[in-house]
Amino acid sequence: MADRLARIFGTEEDKVNCSFYFKIGACRHGDSCTKLHNKPLVSQTIMIHHMYQNTPASLAMAAGIKVPEEASKEAVHHFEDFYEEVFAELTRFGEVEEMIICDNIGDHLIGNLYVKYSSEEQAILAKSKLEGRFYAGRKITCEYSPVTDFKEARCRQYDDGSCSRGGHCNFMHLKPISEKFKKSLFRQMYREYPEYRKSRDKRREDRRHRSRSRNRHSRSRSRDKRKHRRRGDRRDRDFSRSRSPRDRDRDRERGRDRDRDRGGRDRGGEEERGGGGASPRRQMSSEERLAMIARWNEEQEAEEEAAKGQPQ
């Protein structure tokens, strides 16, 4: 039961916890949702409600409406200016790993900003510094978000350019931004805060070290298995070489004797059964085995006597 509850936690099968809040950090039903919103006490990610104020052109584009090229360019410049300004402010509190803004136009997602820091301590500091401040004449409200993997929160249909729900989709539609522009902001952050670069490099080295350790451990176990097999084969060969030719001949004779013994038992069993192969085989008694051995010895002695009597 516990395994099943752990497996379905935060999924559509979960009848208690809201799957949308667990994946996206927001729910269109808000506090009136019939399911629980498990708000984390602390997280690497904080969400700032309705931080970005869309221009009319950006709202039209989010709804799938075509706008003039000049208005589209102005909307892109407006968003990039906002992104650069806010990114620079948020890097004052810690190393930003990712910052995204929702392009949805639903009331629970419009303009929401998510920022993920490299540690929970940095997120705690950022939330304490941002809470209650004002931006563009509006008070900032933020909270810890359960979202740490934005791949699960994103709308895959939107990424493919074919979301049927448009801007009212309940999964994240991320506002597009140039990769070149984003990389320039991250380079600027690492130039201004060299300690962030050192921390990032240390994390990467730790991950590589753990990966190498796992690979070495796996290779070591494979080598041990191969060594064990080779050692066993070598012992068998050494044992075989150490035996004299007489011992090996004796072993072969014993093997042939066992084969004859087994063949005699099989024939005797078939005769007693009348040739029926499906019946269970009867076990020979000790007296029968002794009698058979005695007959075999007599036959051997007779063969030897006959061999001696033949002219050379």
C-alpha atoms as a PDB file:
ATOM      1  CA  MET A   1       0.000   0.000   0.000  1.00  0.00           C
ATOM      2  CA  ALA A   2       2.774   2.422   0.952  1.00  0.00           C
ATOM      3  CA  ASP A   3       4.620   1.668  -2.297  1.00  0.00           C
ATOM      4  CA  ARG A   4       1.506   2.421  -4.340  1.00  0.00           C
ATOM      5  CA  LEU A   5       0.897   5.726  -2.516  1.00  0.00           C
ATOM      6  CA  ALA A   6       4.512   6.739  -3.123  1.00  0.00           C
ATOM      7  CA  ARG A   7       4.198   5.807  -6.804  1.00  0.00           C
ATOM      8  CA  ILE A   8       1.026   7.814  -7.484  1.00  0.00           C
ATOM      9  CA  PHE A   9       1.928  10.837  -5.299  1.00  0.00           C
ATOM     10  CA  GLY A  10       1.492  14.016  -7.316  1.00  0.00           C
ATOM     11  CA  THR A  11       0.087  12.208 -10.368  1.00  0.00           C
ATOM     12  CA  GLU A  12      -3.403  12.244 -11.880  1.00  0.00           C
ATOM     13  CA  GLU A  13      -4.164   9.021  -9.969  1.00  0.00           C
ATOM     14  CA  ASP A  14      -3.592  10.793  -6.651  1.00  0.00           C
ATOM     15  CA  LYS A  15      -7.047  11.587  -5.214  1.00  0.00           C
ATOM     16  CA  VAL A  16      -5.667  13.671  -2.337  1.00  0.00           C
ATOM     17  CA  ASN A  17      -2.821  15.870  -3.625  1.00  0.00           C
ATOM     18  CA  CYS A  18      -3.137  18.308  -6.536  1.00  0.00           C
ATOM     19  CA  SER A  19      -0.981  17.090  -9.419  1.00  0.00           C
ATOM     20  CA  PHE A  20      -0.931  20.486 -11.153  1.00  0.00           C
ATOM     21  CA  TYR A  21       0.371  22.282  -8.083  1.00  0.00           C
ATOM     22  CA  PHE A  22       2.994  19.564  -7.554  1.00  0.00           C
ATOM     23  CA  LYS A  23       4.254  19.875 -11.163  1.00  0.00           C
ATOM     24  CA  ILE A  24       3.756  23.586 -11.844  1.00  0.00           C
ATOM     25  CA  GLY A  25       3.592  25.297  -8.461  1.00  0.00           C
ATOM     26  CA  ALA A  26       0.225  26.865  -9.379  1.00  0.00           C
ATOM     27  CA  CYS A  27      -3.365  25.681  -9.766  1.00  0.00           C
ATOM     28  CA  ARG A  28      -6.217  27.360 -11.630  1.00  0.00           C
ATOM     29  CA  HIS A  29      -8.601  26.598  -8.747  1.00  0.00           C
ATOM     30  CA  GLY A  30      -6.391  28.363  -6.219  1.00  0.00           C
ATOM     31  CA  ASP A  31      -7.371  27.933  -2.564  1.00  0.00           C
ATOM     32  CA  SER A  32     -10.770  26.515  -3.585  1.00  0.00           C
ATOM     33  CA  CYS A  33      -9.151  23.400  -5.110  1.00  0.00           C
ATOM     34  CA  THR A  34     -10.626  20.187  -3.724  1.00  0.00           C
ATOM     35  CA  LYS A  35      -7.168  18.640  -3.460  1.00  0.00           C
ATOM     36  CA  LEU A  36      -4.258  19.540  -1.203  1.00  0.00           C
ATOM     37  CA  HIS A  37      -1.555  21.981  -2.240  1.00  0.00           C
ATOM     38  CA  ASN A  38       1.558  20.763  -0.440  1.00  0.00           C
ATOM     39  CA  LYS A  39       3.571  23.967  -0.223  1.00  0.00           C
ATOM     40  CA  PRO A  40       7.235  23.253   0.575  1.00  0.00           C
ATOM     41  CA  LEU A  41       8.746  24.761   3.707  1.00  0.00           C
ATOM     42  CA  VAL A  42      11.919  25.461   1.729  1.00  0.00           C
ATOM     43  CA  SER A  43      13.062  24.900  -1.848  1.00  0.00           C
ATOM     44  CA  GLN A  44      15.782  25.836  -4.327  1.00  0.00           C
ATOM     45  CA  THR A  45      13.068  27.464  -6.463  1.00  0.00           C
ATOM     46  CA  ILE A  46      11.026  30.530  -5.629  1.00  0.00           C
ATOM     47  CA  MET A  47       8.073  31.844  -7.626  1.00  0.00           C
ATOM     48  CA  ILE A  48       7.222  35.539  -7.885  1.00  0.00           C
ATOM     49  CA  HIS A  49       3.533  36.036  -8.679  1.00  0.00           C
ATOM     50  CA  HIS A  50       2.663  38.035 -11.834  1.00  0.00           C
ATOM     51  CA  MET A  51       6.099  39.662 -11.948  1.00  0.00           C
ATOM     52  CA  TYR A  52       6.123  40.398 -15.670  1.00  0.00           C
ATOM     53  CA  GLN A  53       3.539  42.840 -17.036  1.00  0.00           C
ATOM     54  CA  ASN A  54       2.801  41.838 -20.624  1.00  0.00           C
ATOM     55  CA  THR A  55       2.443  44.427 -23.348  1.00  0.00           C
ATOM     56  CA  PRO A  56      -0.727  44.252 -25.510  1.00  0.00           C
ATOM     57  CA  ALA A  57       1.339  42.810 -28.357  1.00  0.00           C
ATOM     58  CA  SER A  58       2.866  40.077 -26.173  1.00  0.00           C
ATOM     59  CA  LEU A  59      -0.605  39.132 -24.893  1.00  0.00           C
ATOM     60  CA  ALA A  60      -1.871  38.866 -28.472  1.00  0.00           C
ATOM     61  CA  MET A  61       1.101  36.687 -29.445  1.00  0.00           C
ATOM     62  CA  ALA A  62       0.546  34.456 -26.399  1.00  0.00           C
ATOM     63  CA  ALA A  63      -3.077  33.991 -27.505  1.00  0.00           C
ATOM     64  CA  GLY A  64      -1.939  32.968 -30.996  1.00  0.00           C
ATOM     65  CA  ILE A  65      -2.961  36.203 -32.728  1.00  0.00           C
ATOM     66  CA  LYS A  66      -0.720  37.602 -35.447  1.00  0.00           C
ATOM     67  CA  VAL A  67       0.650  41.076 -34.763  1.00  0.00           C
ATOM     68  CA  PRO A  68       2.581  43.497 -36.982  1.00  0.00           C
ATOM     69  CA  GLU A  69       6.321  42.852 -37.189  1.00  0.00           C
ATOM     70  CA  GLU A  70       7.187  46.204 -35.583  1.00  0.00           C
ATOM     71  CA  ALA A  71       4.942  45.519 -32.591  1.00  0.00           C
ATOM     72  CA  SER A  72       6.419  42.044 -32.281  1.00  0.00           C
ATOM     73  CA  LYS A  73       9.976  43.422 -32.159  1.00  0.00           C
ATOM     74  CA  GLU A  74       8.980  45.985 -29.528  1.00  0.00           C
ATOM     75  CA  ALA A  75       7.449  43.211 -27.394  1.00  0.00           C
ATOM     76  CA  VAL A  76      10.665  41.150 -27.659  1.00  0.00           C
ATOM     77  CA  HIS A  77      12.844  44.132 -26.673  1.00  0.00           C
ATOM     78  CA  HIS A  78      10.538  44.929 -23.760  1.00  0.00           C
ATOM     79  CA  PHE A  79      10.800  41.372 -22.459  1.00  0.00           C
ATOM     80  CA  GLU A  80      14.596  41.189 -22.895  1.00  0.00           C
ATOM     81  CA  ASP A  81      15.038  44.453 -20.974  1.00  0.00           C
ATOM     82  CA  PHE A  82      12.892  43.081 -18.165  1.00  0.00           C
ATOM     83  CA  TYR A  83      14.745  39.741 -18.150  1.00  0.00           C
ATOM     84  CA  GLU A  84      18.181  41.381 -17.997  1.00  0.00           C
ATOM     85  CA  GLU A  85      17.213  43.790 -15.216  1.00  0.00           C
ATOM     86  CA  VAL A  86      15.567  41.195 -12.993  1.00  0.00           C
ATOM     87  CA  PHE A  87      18.278  38.565 -13.635  1.00  0.00           C
ATOM     88  CA  ALA A  88      20.991  40.990 -12.520  1.00  0.00           C
ATOM     89  CA  GLU A  89      19.056  41.755  -9.326  1.00  0.00           C
ATOM     90  CA  LEU A  90      18.413  38.114  -8.482  1.00  0.00           C
ATOM     91  CA  THR A  91      22.085  37.149  -8.896  1.00  0.00           C
ATOM     92  CA  ARG A  92      22.916  39.405  -5.940  1.00  0.00           C
ATOM     93  CA  PHE A  93      21.475  36.746  -3.605  1.00  0.00           C
ATOM     94  CA  GLY A  94      23.072  33.636  -5.097  1.00  0.00           C
ATOM     95  CA  GLU A  95      23.994  31.641  -8.170  1.00  0.00           C
ATOM     96  CA  VAL A  96      21.009  31.426 -10.504  1.00  0.00           C
ATOM     97  CA  GLU A  97      20.746  28.079 -12.286  1.00  0.00           C
ATOM     98  CA  GLU A  98      17.596  28.903 -14.237  1.00  0.00           C
ATOM     99  CA  MET A  99      15.093  31.732 -14.587  1.00  0.00           C
ATOM    100  CA  ILE A 100      11.893  31.437 -16.609  1.00  0.00           C
ATOM    101  CA  ILE A 101       8.748  33.523 -17.148  1.00  0.00           C
ATOM    102  CA  CYS A 102       5.391  32.034 -18.096  1.00  0.00           C
ATOM    103  CA  ASP A 103       3.814  33.016 -21.406  1.00  0.00           C
ATOM    104  CA  ASN A 104       0.403  31.691 -20.312  1.00  0.00           C
ATOM    105  CA  ILE A 105      -2.502  34.118 -20.030  1.00  0.00           C
ATOM    106  CA  GLY A 106      -4.507  32.182 -17.425  1.00  0.00           C
ATOM    107  CA  ASP A 107      -5.002  34.077 -14.151  1.00  0.00           C
ATOM    108  CA  HIS A 108      -2.927  31.624 -12.093  1.00  0.00           C
ATOM    109  CA  LEU A 109       0.113  31.644 -14.429  1.00  0.00           C
ATOM    110  CA  ILE A 110       0.236  34.960 -16.273  1.00  0.00           C
ATOM    111  CA  GLY A 111       3.553  36.741 -15.738  1.00  0.00           C
ATOM    112  CA  ASN A 112       4.785  34.275 -13.090  1.00  0.00           C
ATOM    113  CA  LEU A 113       8.565  34.227 -12.688  1.00  0.00           C
ATOM    114  CA  TYR A 114      10.427  31.133 -11.460  1.00  0.00           C
ATOM    115  CA  VAL A 115      14.045  31.335 -10.365  1.00  0.00           C
ATOM    116  CA  LYS A 116      16.052  28.294  -9.283  1.00  0.00           C
ATOM    117  CA  TYR A 117      19.172  28.824  -7.177  1.00  0.00           C
ATOM    118  CA  SER A 118      22.042  26.389  -6.730  1.00  0.00           C
ATOM    119  CA  SER A 119      21.202  25.895  -3.034  1.00  0.00           C
ATOM    120  CA  GLU A 120      18.266  26.272  -0.675  1.00  0.00           C
ATOM    121  CA  GLU A 121      20.204  28.752   1.486  1.00  0.00           C
ATOM    122  CA  GLN A 122      20.464  31.147  -1.463  1.00  0.00           C
ATOM    123  CA  ALA A 123      16.754  30.772  -2.195  1.00  0.00           C
ATOM    124  CA  ILE A 124      15.940  31.543   1.449  1.00  0.00           C
ATOM    125  CA  LEU A 125      18.048  34.706   1.288  1.00  0.00           C
ATOM    126  CA  ALA A 126      16.448  35.818  -1.985  1.00  0.00           C
ATOM    127  CA  LYS A 127      12.914  35.329  -0.687  1.00  0.00           C
ATOM    128  CA  SER A 128      13.625  37.265   2.511  1.00  0.00           C
ATOM    129  CA  LYS A 129      15.125  40.166   0.524  1.00  0.00           C
ATOM    130  CA  LEU A 130      12.423  40.294  -2.153  1.00  0.00           C
ATOM    131  CA  GLU A 131       9.291  39.856  -0.050  1.00  0.00           C
ATOM    132  CA  GLY A 132       7.489  43.183   0.389  1.00  0.00           C
ATOM    133  CA  ARG A 133       9.545  45.151  -2.128  1.00  0.00           C
ATOM    134  CA  PHE A 134       7.996  46.983  -5.089  1.00  0.00           C
ATOM    135  CA  TYR A 135       8.670  46.596  -8.794  1.00  0.00           C
ATOM    136  CA  ALA A 136       7.080  48.823 -11.451  1.00  0.00           C
ATOM    137  CA  GLY A 137       4.737  50.215  -8.787  1.00  0.00           C
ATOM    138  CA  ARG A 138       3.481  46.770  -7.702  1.00  0.00           C
ATOM    139  CA  LYS A 139       4.249  44.878  -4.486  1.00  0.00           C
ATOM    140  CA  ILE A 140       6.274  41.687  -4.895  1.00  0.00           C
ATOM    141  CA  THR A 141       4.797  38.491  -3.463  1.00  0.00           C
ATOM    142  CA  CYS A 142       6.806  35.283  -3.668  1.00  0.00           C
ATOM    143  CA  GLU A 143       6.763  31.753  -2.273  1.00  0.00           C
ATOM    144  CA  TYR A 144       8.798  28.565  -2.359  1.00  0.00           C
ATOM    145  CA  SER A 145       7.863  26.382  -5.311  1.00  0.00           C
ATOM    146  CA  PRO A 146       7.839  22.566  -5.480  1.00  0.00           C
ATOM    147  CA  VAL A 147       9.092  22.787  -9.087  1.00  0.00           C
ATOM    148  CA  THR A 148      12.771  21.887  -9.435  1.00  0.00           C
ATOM    149  CA  ASP A 149      12.603  20.160 -12.844  1.00  0.00           C
ATOM    150  CA  PHE A 150      11.036  22.471 -15.408  1.00  0.00           C
ATOM    151  CA  LYS A 151      11.001  19.722 -18.039  1.00  0.00           C
ATOM    152  CA  GLU A 152       8.065  18.095 -16.249  1.00  0.00           C
ATOM    153  CA  ALA A 153       6.229  21.423 -15.918  1.00  0.00           C
ATOM    154  CA  ARG A 154       6.546  22.501 -19.547  1.00  0.00           C
ATOM    155  CA  CYS A 155       3.864  21.912 -22.149  1.00  0.00           C
ATOM    156  CA  ARG A 156       5.377  19.555 -24.714  1.00  0.00           C
ATOM    157  CA  GLN A 157       2.768  20.459 -27.325  1.00  0.00           C
ATOM    158  CA  TYR A 158       3.675  24.147 -26.978  1.00  0.00           C
ATOM    159  CA  ASP A 159       7.364  23.306 -27.428  1.00  0.00           C
ATOM    160  CA  ASP A 160       6.381  21.480 -30.632  1.00  0.00           C
ATOM    161  CA  GLY A 161       4.298  24.472 -31.730  1.00  0.00           C
ATOM    162  CA  SER A 162       0.945  22.686 -31.604  1.00  0.00           C
ATOM    163  CA  CYS A 163      -0.772  23.297 -28.219  1.00  0.00           C
ATOM    164  CA  SER A 164      -4.528  23.149 -28.762  1.00  0.00           C
ATOM    165  CA  ARG A 165      -5.347  25.060 -25.559  1.00  0.00           C
ATOM    166  CA  GLY A 166      -3.337  28.130 -26.476  1.00  0.00           C
ATOM    167  CA  GLY A 167      -2.454  30.624 -23.757  1.00  0.00           C
ATOM    168  CA  HIS A 168      -5.007  29.116 -21.342  1.00  0.00           C
ATOM    169  CA  CYS A 169      -3.112  25.815 -21.095  1.00  0.00           C
ATOM    170  CA  ASN A 170      -2.470  24.676 -17.521  1.00  0.00           C
ATOM    171  CA  PHE A 171       1.102  23.579 -18.272  1.00  0.00           C
ATOM    172  CA  MET A 172       3.903  26.112 -18.558  1.00  0.00           C
ATOM    173  CA  HIS A 173       4.380  27.991 -21.819  1.00  0.00           C
ATOM    174  CA  LEU A 174       7.809  29.545 -21.400  1.00  0.00           C
ATOM    175  CA  LYS A 175       8.417  32.957 -22.911  1.00  0.00           C
ATOM    176  CA  PRO A 176      10.985  32.474 -25.667  1.00  0.00           C
ATOM    177  CA  ILE A 177      14.362  34.121 -25.261  1.00  0.00           C
ATOM    178  CA  SER A 178      17.512  33.943 -27.342  1.00  0.00           C
ATOM    179  CA  GLU A 179      20.057  31.356 -26.139  1.00  0.00           C
ATOM    180  CA  LYS A 180      22.861  33.729 -27.089  1.00  0.00           C
ATOM    181  CA  PHE A 181      21.306  36.474 -24.975  1.00  0.00           C
ATOM    182  CA  LYS A 182      20.796  34.137 -22.010  1.00  0.00           C
ATOM    183  CA  LYS A 183      24.368  32.799 -22.163  1.00  0.00           C
ATOM    184  CA  SER A 184      25.733  36.352 -22.163  1.00  0.00           C
ATOM    185  CA  LEU A 185      23.823  37.041 -18.917  1.00  0.00           C
ATOM    186  CA  PHE A 186      25.233  33.921 -17.246  1.00  0.00           C
ATOM    187  CA  ARG A 187      28.782  34.817 -18.343  1.00  0.00           C
ATOM    188  CA  GLN A 188      28.260  38.275 -16.863  1.00  0.00           C
ATOM    189  CA  MET A 189      27.081  36.719 -13.574  1.00  0.00           C
ATOM    190  CA  TYR A 190      30.191  34.519 -13.296  1.00  0.00           C
ATOM    191  CA  ARG A 191      32.449  37.492 -14.077  1.00  0.00           C
ATOM    192  CA  GLU A 192      30.863  39.627 -11.361  1.00  0.00           C
ATOM    193  CA  TYR A 193      30.711  36.812  -8.800  1.00  0.00           C
ATOM    194  CA  PRO A 194      33.797  34.543  -9.193  1.00  0.00           C
ATOM    195  CA  GLU A 195      32.740  32.550  -6.118  1.00  0.00           C
ATOM    196  CA  TYR A 196      29.720  31.294  -8.084  1.00  0.00           C
ATOM    197  CA  ARG A 197      32.042  29.910 -10.766  1.00  0.00           C
ATOM    198  CA  LYS A 198      34.180  28.163  -8.143  1.00  0.00           C
ATOM    199  CA  SER A 199      31.092  26.640  -6.570  1.00  0.00           C
ATOM    200  CA  ARG A 200      29.813  25.491  -9.989  1.00  0.00           C
ATOM    201  CA  ASP A 201      33.179  23.965 -10.925  1.00  0.00           C
ATOM    202  CA  LYS A 202      33.331  22.126  -7.585  1.00  0.00           C
ATOM    203  CA  ARG A 203      29.848  20.666  -8.124  1.00  0.00           C
ATOM    204  CA  ARG A 204      30.805  19.510 -11.591  1.00  0.00           C
ATOM    205  CA  GLU A 205      34.018  17.932 -10.302  1.00  0.00           C
ATOM    206  CA  ASP A 206      32.089  16.150  -7.531  1.00  0.00           C
ATOM    207  CA  ARG A 207      29.625  14.762 -10.094  1.00  0.00           C
ATOM    208  CA  ARG A 208      32.475  13.571 -12.331  1.00  0.00           C
ATOM    209  CA  HIS A 209      34.216  12.007  -9.327  1.00  0.00           C
ATOM    210  CA  ARG A 210      31.051  10.136  -8.309  1.00  0.00           C
ATOM    211  CA  SER A 211      30.551   8.978 -11.877  1.00  0.00           C
ATOM    212  CA  ARG A 212      34.162   7.760 -12.142  1.00  0.00           C
ATOM    213  CA  SER A 213      33.874   6.000  -8.775  1.00  0.00           C
ATOM    214  CA  ARG A 214      30.749   4.143  -9.929  1.00  0.00           C
ATOM    215  CA  ASN A 215      32.458   3.171 -13.183  1.00  0.00           C
ATOM    216  CA  ARG A 216      35.608   2.007 -11.379  1.00  0.00           C
ATOM    217  CA  HIS A 217      33.555  -0.044  -8.948  1.00  0.00           C
ATOM    218  CA  SER A 218      31.660  -1.651 -11.809  1.00  0.00           C
ATOM    219  CA  ARG A 219      34.865  -2.411 -13.738  1.00  0.00           C
ATOM    220  CA  SER A 220      36.528  -3.781 -10.585  1.00  0.00           C
ATOM    221  CA  ARG A 221      33.668  -6.219 -10.012  1.00  0.00           C
ATOM    222  CA  SER A 222      33.883  -7.363 -13.631  1.00  0.00           C
ATOM    223  CA  ARG A 223      37.651  -7.899 -13.339  1.00  0.00           C
ATOM    224  CA  ASP A 224      37.212  -9.852 -10.100  1.00  0.00           C
ATOM    225  CA  LYS A 225      34.705 -12.156 -11.789  1.00  0.00           C
ATOM    226  CA  ARG A 226      37.013 -12.733 -14.756  1.00  0.00           C
ATOM    227  CA  LYS A 227      39.988 -13.373 -12.422  1.00  0.00           C
ATOM    228  CA  HIS A 228      37.968 -15.861 -10.405  1.00  0.00           C
ATOM    229  CA  ARG A 229      36.991 -17.729 -13.564  1.00  0.00           C
ATOM    230  CA  ARG A 230      40.587 -17.762 -14.863  1.00  0.00           C
ATOM    231  CA  ARG A 231      41.923 -18.901 -11.485  1.00  0.00           C
ATOM    232  CA  GLY A 232      39.433 -21.767 -11.410  1.00  0.00           C
ATOM    233  CA  ASP A 233      40.387 -22.822 -14.953  1.00  0.00           C
ATOM    234  CA  ARG A 234      44.082 -22.662 -14.037  1.00  0.00           C
ATOM    235  CA  ARG A 235      43.545 -24.845 -10.966  1.00  0.00           C
ATOM    236  CA  ASP A 236      41.746 -27.412 -13.112  1.00  0.00           C
ATOM    237  CA  ARG A 237      44.586 -27.446 -15.654  1.00  0.00           C
ATOM    238  CA  ASP A 238      47.269 -27.672 -12.952  1.00  0.00           C
ATOM    239  CA  PHE A 239      45.435 -30.528 -11.247  1.00  0.00           C
ATOM    240  CA  SER A 240      45.116 -32.360 -14.549  1.00  0.00           C
ATOM    241  CA  ARG A 241      48.829 -31.898 -15.334  1.00  0.00           C
ATOM    242  CA  SER A 242      49.956 -33.068 -11.853  1.00  0.00           C
ATOM    243  CA  ARG A 243      48.292 -36.481 -12.241  1.00  0.00           C
ATOM    244  CA  SER A 244      50.375 -39.344 -13.610  1.00  0.00           C
ATOM    245  CA  PRO A 245      49.447 -41.167 -16.836  1.00  0.00           C
ATOM    246  CA  ARG A 246      48.521 -44.216 -14.746  1.00  0.00           C
ATOM    247  CA  ASP A 247      46.043 -42.148 -12.703  1.00  0.00           C
ATOM    248  CA  ARG A 248      44.502 -40.704 -15.843  1.00  0.00           C
ATOM    249  CA  ASP A 249      44.207 -44.191 -17.384  1.00  0.00           C
ATOM    250  CA  ARG A 250      42.572 -45.442 -14.202  1.00  0.00           C
ATOM    251  CA  ASP A 251      40.066 -42.569 -14.336  1.00  0.00           C
ATOM    252  CA  ARG A 252      39.203 -43.408 -17.935  1.00  0.00           C
ATOM    253  CA  GLU A 253      38.725 -47.089 -17.020  1.00  0.00           C
ATOM    254  CA  ARG A 254      36.452 -46.126 -14.151  1.00  0.00           C
ATOM    255  CA  GLY A 255      34.439 -43.928 -16.476  1.00  0.00           C
ATOM    256  CA  ARG A 256      33.996 -46.776 -18.936  1.00  0.00           C
ATOM    257  CA  ASP A 257      33.024 -49.104 -16.072  1.00  0.00           C
ATOM    258  CA  ARG A 258      30.346 -46.647 -14.955  1.00  0.00           C
ATOM    259  CA  ASP A 259      29.046 -46.417 -18.514  1.00  0.00           C
ATOM    260  CA  ARG A 260      28.841 -50.213 -18.777  1.00  0.00           C
ATOM    261  CA  ASP A 261      27.182 -50.428 -15.381  1.00  0.00           C
ATOM    262  CA  ARG A 262      24.623 -47.816 -16.394  1.00  0.00           C
ATOM    263  CA  GLY A 263      23.971 -49.543 -19.713  1.00  0.00           C
ATOM    264  CA  GLY A 264      23.471 -52.895 -17.990  1.00  0.00           C
ATOM    265  CA  ARG A 265      20.984 -51.408 -15.560  1.00  0.00           C
ATOM    266  CA  ASP A 266      19.080 -49.762 -18.374  1.00  0.00           C
ATOM    267  CA  ARG A 267      18.883 -53.003 -20.345  1.00  0.00           C
ATOM    268  CA  GLY A 268      17.851 -54.997 -17.285  1.00  0.00           C
ATOM    269  CA  GLY A 269      15.149 -52.465 -16.496  1.00  0.00           C
ATOM    270  CA  GLU A 270      13.793 -52.519 -20.016  1.00  0.00           C
ATOM    271  CA  GLU A 271      13.641 -56.329 -20.036  1.00  0.00           C
ATOM    272  CA  GLU A 272      11.749 -56.367 -16.769  1.00  0.00           C
ATOM    273  CA  ARG A 273       9.355 -53.694 -18.007  1.00  0.00           C
ATOM    274  CA  GLY A 274       8.811 -55.513 -21.241  1.00  0.00           C
ATOM    275  CA  GLY A 275      10.231 -52.670 -23.326  1.00  0.00           C
ATOM    276  CA  GLY A 276       7.817 -50.007 -22.061  1.00  0.00           C
ATOM    277  CA  GLY A 277       9.801 -46.742 -22.073  1.00  0.00           C
ATOM    278  CA  ALA A 278       7.152 -44.737 -20.275  1.00  0.00           C
ATOM    279  CA  SER A 279       7.265 -46.778 -17.032  1.00  0.00           C
ATOM    280  CA  PRO A 280       9.489 -45.590 -14.181  1.00  0.00           C
ATOM    281  CA  ARG A 281      12.919 -47.265 -13.982  1.00  0.00           C
ATOM    282  CA  ARG A 282      13.376 -49.841 -11.170  1.00  0.00           C
ATOM    283  CA  GLN A 283      16.425 -49.397  -8.966  1.00  0.00           C
ATOM    284  CA  MET A 284      18.787 -52.439  -8.782  1.00  0.00           C
ATOM    285  CA  SER A 285      19.297 -54.063  -5.406  1.00  0.00           C
ATOM    286  CA  SER A 286      22.765 -54.397  -3.874  1.00  0.00           C
ATOM    287  CA  GLU A 287      22.738 -58.175  -4.502  1.00  0.00           C
ATOM    288  CA  GLU A 288      22.003 -57.654  -8.179  1.00  0.00           C
ATOM    289  CA  ARG A 289      24.786 -55.113  -8.494  1.00  0.00           C
ATOM    290  CA  LEU A 290      27.281 -57.496  -6.794  1.00  0.00           C
ATOM    291  CA  ALA A 291      26.215 -60.341  -9.075  1.00  0.00           C
ATOM    292  CA  MET A 292      26.635 -58.151 -12.146  1.00  0.00           C
ATOM    293  CA  ILE A 293      30.117 -57.071 -11.028  1.00  0.00           C
ATOM    294  CA  ALA A 294      31.076 -60.689 -10.407  1.00  0.00           C
ATOM    295  CA  ARG A 295      29.896 -61.648 -13.917  1.00  0.00           C
ATOM    296  CA  TRP A 296      31.835 -58.763 -15.396  1.00  0.00           C
ATOM    297  CA  ASN A 297      35.014 -59.833 -13.510  1.00  0.00           C
ATOM    298  CA  GLU A 298      34.609 -63.391 -14.757  1.00  0.00           C
ATOM    299  CA  GLU A 299      34.224 -62.122 -18.313  1.00  0.00           C
ATOM    300  CA  GLN A 300      37.358 -60.005 -17.967  1.00  0.00           C
ATOM    301  CA  GLU A 301      39.376 -62.936 -16.602  1.00  0.00           C
ATOM    302  CA  ALA A 302      38.131 -65.173 -19.403  1.00  0.00           C
ATOM    303  CA  GLU A 303      39.147 -62.595 -21.998  1.00  0.00           C
ATOM    304  CA  GLU A 304      42.613 -62.288 -20.440  1.00  0.00           C
ATOM    305  CA  GLU A 305      43.067 -66.106 -20.360  1.00  0.00           C
ATOM    306  CA  ALA A 306      41.977 -66.320 -23.989  1.00  0.00           C
ATOM    307  CA  ALA A 307      44.428 -63.602 -24.924  1.00  0.00           C
ATOM    308  CA  LYS A 308      47.292 -65.452 -23.194  1.00  0.00           C
ATOM    309  CA  GLY A 309      46.465 -68.704 -24.943  1.00  0.00           C
ATOM    310  CA  GLN A 310      46.669 -67.175 -28.442  1.00  0.00           C
ATOM    311  CA  PRO A 311      49.995 -67.661 -30.328  1.00  0.00           C
ATOM    312  CA  GLN A 312      52.238 -64.588 -30.500  1.00  0.00           C
END
